[in-house]
Amino acid sequence: MILIVDDDPAITTLLKLSFELEGHLVITATNGGEALELARQVHPAAMVVDVMMPEMDGLELIRRLRANSLTADIPIVCLSAKALASEIDEGLAAGADEYVTKPCDFDDLVKRVQLRLVE
């Protein structure tokens, strides 16, 4: 199961369809707080997390996931419009396994997440 966390309904729909076409079950959240609860409850095989979201941004979400022994091992790929080298470094420092910038190739993103599932 893949957990997609993004407050943009269009991106969420496209990502959900992209992963489902590859045979994955997908759940979604629109903010960090909701995602944190879902991650604790269902322990997804991987997460795709937007950085800029209301209430709790993606970086804080990742920090909290990494700090909890129940969710620390979930592979996380950041997906963000923030594309400066310092912003990418910040995402990786927060604990993301990978950082992909928007706009992205959805097929490539799915492959990157799938590679994380194998590791």
Protein backbone atom coordinates (compact mmCIF):
# COMPACT_ATOMS: atom_id res chain seq x y z
CA MET A 1 0.00 0.00 0.00
CA ILE A 2 1.27 3.44 -0.98
CA LEU A 3 0.31 6.54 1.00
CA ILE A 4 0.19 9.71 -1.11
CA VAL A 5 0.23 12.97 0.83
CA ASP A 6 -0.58 16.10 -1.17
CA ASP A 7 -3.06 18.94 -0.75
CA ASP A 8 -3.53 19.35 -4.53
CA PRO A 9 -6.46 17.14 -5.62
CA ALA A 10 -5.30 17.02 -9.27
CA ILE A 11 -1.81 15.80 -8.36
CA THR A 12 -3.23 13.32 -5.86
CA THR A 13 -5.59 11.88 -8.50
CA LEU A 14 -2.82 11.55 -11.10
CA LEU A 15 -0.46 9.91 -8.62
CA LYS A 16 -3.15 7.56 -7.36
CA LEU A 17 -3.99 6.44 -10.89
CA SER A 18 -0.31 6.03 -11.79
CA PHE A 19 0.32 3.72 -8.84
CA GLU A 20 -2.94 1.81 -9.27
CA LEU A 21 -2.09 1.12 -12.93
CA GLU A 22 1.02 -0.65 -11.62
CA GLY A 23 -1.06 -2.78 -9.27
CA HIS A 24 -0.56 -0.87 -6.01
CA LEU A 25 -3.22 -0.17 -3.43
CA VAL A 26 -3.25 3.55 -2.66
CA ILE A 27 -4.53 5.66 0.20
CA THR A 28 -4.32 9.43 0.33
CA ALA A 29 -4.05 12.25 2.83
CA THR A 30 -4.34 15.99 2.26
CA ASN A 31 -2.14 17.19 5.13
CA GLY A 32 0.65 16.09 7.42
CA GLY A 33 -1.50 15.44 10.47
CA GLU A 34 -3.84 13.14 8.58
CA ALA A 35 -0.87 11.36 6.98
CA LEU A 36 0.83 10.84 10.34
CA GLU A 37 -2.26 9.10 11.70
CA LEU A 38 -2.69 6.94 8.59
CA ALA A 39 0.99 5.96 8.61
CA ARG A 40 0.73 4.85 12.23
CA GLN A 41 -2.48 2.89 11.58
CA VAL A 42 -1.69 1.10 8.31
CA HIS A 43 2.12 1.26 8.02
CA PRO A 44 2.25 1.77 4.23
CA ALA A 45 4.93 0.10 2.12
CA ALA A 46 6.03 3.57 0.96
CA MET A 47 4.97 7.22 1.01
CA VAL A 48 5.03 10.06 -1.50
CA VAL A 49 4.98 13.34 0.45
CA ASP A 50 4.49 16.89 -0.80
CA VAL A 51 6.58 19.45 1.06
CA MET A 52 4.23 22.45 1.00
CA MET A 53 0.98 21.60 2.78
CA PRO A 54 -1.32 23.27 5.30
CA GLU A 55 -1.26 22.50 9.02
CA MET A 56 1.91 20.38 9.01
CA ASP A 57 4.33 20.59 6.10
CA GLY A 58 5.95 17.55 4.55
CA LEU A 59 9.32 18.08 6.21
CA GLU A 60 7.81 18.13 9.68
CA LEU A 61 5.77 15.05 8.78
CA ILE A 62 8.93 13.22 7.71
CA ARG A 63 10.77 14.23 10.88
CA ARG A 64 7.92 12.89 13.02
CA LEU A 65 7.73 9.66 11.04
CA ARG A 66 11.47 9.09 11.42
CA ALA A 67 11.31 9.82 15.16
CA ASN A 68 8.68 7.12 15.76
CA SER A 69 9.94 3.54 15.86
CA LEU A 70 6.63 2.33 14.33
CA THR A 71 7.07 4.44 11.18
CA ALA A 72 10.80 5.13 10.98
CA ASP A 73 11.45 2.47 8.35
CA ILE A 74 8.80 3.54 5.80
CA PRO A 75 10.45 4.58 2.50
CA ILE A 76 9.59 8.22 1.76
CA VAL A 77 9.90 10.12 -1.50
CA CYS A 78 9.42 13.89 -1.32
CA LEU A 79 7.60 15.46 -4.23
CA SER A 80 7.84 19.24 -4.32
CA ALA A 81 7.90 22.35 -6.45
CA LYS A 82 10.76 23.53 -4.23
CA ALA A 83 13.74 22.79 -6.44
CA LEU A 84 16.71 24.76 -5.10
CA ALA A 85 19.67 22.65 -4.06
CA SER A 86 19.32 23.91 -0.47
CA GLU A 87 15.63 22.90 -0.42
CA ILE A 88 16.42 19.43 -1.74
CA ASP A 89 19.18 19.09 0.86
CA GLU A 90 16.70 20.14 3.56
CA GLY A 91 14.26 17.43 2.44
CA LEU A 92 16.93 14.77 2.50
CA ALA A 93 18.22 15.99 5.87
CA ALA A 94 14.68 15.71 7.26
CA GLY A 95 14.80 12.01 6.41
CA ALA A 96 13.41 11.63 2.90
CA ASP A 97 14.92 8.74 0.97
CA GLU A 98 14.56 10.62 -2.28
CA TYR A 99 13.47 14.06 -3.48
CA VAL A 100 11.65 14.58 -6.80
CA THR A 101 10.75 18.01 -8.11
CA LYS A 102 7.45 19.05 -9.70
CA PRO A 103 6.47 18.88 -12.44
CA CYS A 104 7.58 15.28 -12.63
CA ASP A 105 7.26 12.30 -14.89
CA PHE A 106 4.71 10.17 -13.03
CA ASP A 107 5.99 6.93 -14.52
CA ASP A 108 9.50 7.77 -13.32
CA LEU A 109 8.19 8.61 -9.85
CA VAL A 110 6.35 5.27 -9.65
CA LYS A 111 9.56 3.45 -10.66
CA ARG A 112 11.56 5.32 -8.02
CA VAL A 113 9.08 4.34 -5.34
CA GLN A 114 9.02 0.74 -6.55
CA LEU A 115 12.81 0.59 -6.25
CA ARG A 116 12.47 1.64 -2.63
CA LEU A 117 10.02 -1.20 -2.02
CA VAL A 118 12.63 -3.75 -3.11
CA GLU A 119 15.36 -2.46 -0.81
